């Protein structure tokens, strides 16, 4: 799972096996270790919310998405989910969760588990 953060936007990209695992068990996480701490970023399903929420506690970013939104995401053509979360300070946190497609250009990154890019077909 990849994470991209810029300003008040956060995006997760999941490979085919990560989407499958997430849809089957309702949770997936990755960790990045630094010298002093470990950053954990995760995604989980919930019955108790209607859309998508984002939390940051104890060095962990957690995106929570409603089970009603996911459906058969692992087997359908839906690319992802977007939600703009209104923060208490009046700002907006933009959240995007999507399937990870192969790149259009050459890269040294392993893309064997990425979804086929529809622009290459």
Protein backbone atom coordinates (compact mmCIF):
# COMPACT_ATOMS: atom_id res chain seq x y z
CA UNK A 1 0.00 0.00 0.00
CA UNK A 2 1.33 3.39 -0.96
CA UNK A 3 0.57 6.61 0.84
CA UNK A 4 0.79 10.12 -0.54
CA UNK A 5 0.25 13.20 1.59
CA UNK A 6 0.28 16.76 0.33
CA UNK A 7 -1.14 19.59 2.39
CA UNK A 8 -4.63 18.59 3.47
CA UNK A 9 -4.95 15.63 1.14
CA UNK A 10 -4.12 11.98 1.71
CA UNK A 11 -4.20 9.17 -0.82
CA UNK A 12 -3.79 5.43 -0.38
CA UNK A 13 -3.13 3.16 -3.35
CA UNK A 14 -3.61 -0.58 -2.91
CA UNK A 15 -2.37 -3.42 -5.12
CA UNK A 16 -4.60 -6.32 -6.17
CA UNK A 17 -3.63 -8.59 -3.26
CA UNK A 18 -3.96 -5.71 -0.77
CA UNK A 19 -7.47 -4.89 -2.00
CA UNK A 20 -8.39 -8.58 -1.79
CA UNK A 21 -7.06 -8.90 1.77
CA UNK A 22 -8.74 -5.67 2.84
CA UNK A 23 -12.11 -6.72 1.41
CA UNK A 24 -11.86 -10.19 2.98
CA UNK A 25 -10.77 -9.29 6.52
CA UNK A 26 -11.72 -5.61 6.71
CA UNK A 27 -8.25 -4.34 7.61
CA UNK A 28 -4.84 -3.75 6.08
CA UNK A 29 -1.76 -1.93 7.34
CA UNK A 30 1.79 -1.06 6.40
CA UNK A 31 4.67 0.25 8.49
CA UNK A 32 7.60 2.52 7.73
CA UNK A 33 10.41 2.44 10.27
CA UNK A 34 12.43 5.54 11.08
CA UNK A 35 15.36 5.93 13.49
CA UNK A 36 13.20 6.91 16.47
CA UNK A 37 9.69 5.67 15.65
CA UNK A 38 7.57 3.65 13.27
CA UNK A 39 4.84 5.20 11.16
CA UNK A 40 1.86 2.90 10.76
CA UNK A 41 -0.76 3.57 8.12
CA UNK A 42 -3.86 1.47 7.84
CA UNK A 43 -7.30 1.14 6.34
CA UNK A 44 -10.26 -0.56 7.98
CA UNK A 45 -13.95 -1.20 7.39
CA UNK A 46 -16.66 -0.03 9.76
CA UNK A 47 -20.40 -0.57 10.12
CA UNK A 48 -20.78 2.53 12.29
CA UNK A 49 -19.96 5.27 9.76
CA UNK A 50 -21.55 6.38 6.49
CA UNK A 51 -18.55 7.60 4.48
CA UNK A 52 -14.80 7.82 5.12
CA UNK A 53 -12.94 9.11 8.17
CA UNK A 54 -9.26 9.76 8.82
CA UNK A 55 -7.53 9.58 12.20
CA UNK A 56 -3.95 10.22 13.34
CA UNK A 57 -3.04 8.93 16.79
CA UNK A 58 0.18 7.54 18.29
CA UNK A 59 2.16 7.61 15.02
CA UNK A 60 -0.67 5.87 13.17
CA UNK A 61 -2.73 7.14 10.24
CA UNK A 62 -5.98 5.22 9.97
CA UNK A 63 -8.51 5.61 7.19
CA UNK A 64 -11.89 4.12 8.07
CA UNK A 65 -14.40 3.44 5.31
CA UNK A 66 -18.03 2.38 5.53
CA UNK A 67 -18.73 -1.26 4.66
CA UNK A 68 -21.68 -0.05 2.61
CA UNK A 69 -19.32 1.78 0.23
CA UNK A 70 -16.93 -1.11 -0.40
CA UNK A 71 -19.32 -3.75 -1.75
CA UNK A 72 -17.43 -6.04 -4.13
CA UNK A 73 -14.50 -3.66 -4.66
CA UNK A 74 -12.02 -6.53 -5.04
CA UNK A 75 -13.87 -7.90 -8.07
CA UNK A 76 -15.51 -4.89 -9.70
CA UNK A 77 -14.23 -2.11 -11.97
CA UNK A 78 -14.56 0.69 -9.40
CA UNK A 79 -11.22 2.49 -9.15
CA UNK A 80 -11.66 4.03 -5.73
CA UNK A 81 -13.38 6.28 -3.25
CA UNK A 82 -13.08 10.00 -2.63
CA UNK A 83 -14.38 12.00 0.31
CA UNK A 84 -13.88 15.55 1.49
CA UNK A 85 -13.96 15.65 5.29
CA UNK A 86 -14.93 18.95 6.93
CA UNK A 87 -12.56 19.67 9.81
CA UNK A 88 -13.44 21.58 12.98
CA UNK A 89 -11.16 24.47 11.94
CA UNK A 90 -13.16 25.05 8.74
CA UNK A 91 -10.61 23.40 6.46
CA UNK A 92 -11.19 20.31 4.35
CA UNK A 93 -9.24 17.05 4.43
CA UNK A 94 -9.41 15.37 1.02
CA UNK A 95 -9.25 11.56 1.23
CA UNK A 96 -8.71 9.27 -1.75
CA UNK A 97 -8.49 5.47 -1.63
CA UNK A 98 -7.83 3.76 -4.94
CA UNK A 99 -6.53 0.72 -6.75
CA UNK A 100 -2.88 0.97 -7.80
CA UNK A 101 -2.42 0.74 -11.57
CA UNK A 102 0.78 0.01 -13.44
CA UNK A 103 2.69 3.13 -14.49
CA UNK A 104 2.55 4.44 -18.03
CA UNK A 105 6.30 5.07 -18.05
CA UNK A 106 9.20 2.83 -17.13
CA UNK A 107 9.93 2.48 -13.44
CA UNK A 108 12.21 0.27 -11.35
CA UNK A 109 9.37 -0.33 -8.88
CA UNK A 110 7.88 -3.84 -8.77
CA UNK A 111 4.45 -3.53 -10.36
CA UNK A 112 3.66 -7.23 -10.72
CA UNK A 113 0.71 -7.00 -8.29
CA UNK A 114 -0.67 -3.71 -9.63
CA UNK A 115 -3.87 -3.53 -11.63
CA UNK A 116 -3.44 -3.35 -15.42
CA UNK A 117 -3.53 0.27 -16.53
CA UNK A 118 -6.63 0.79 -18.71
CA UNK A 119 -4.72 3.40 -20.74
CA UNK A 120 -2.33 0.66 -21.91
CA UNK A 121 -5.08 -1.59 -23.27
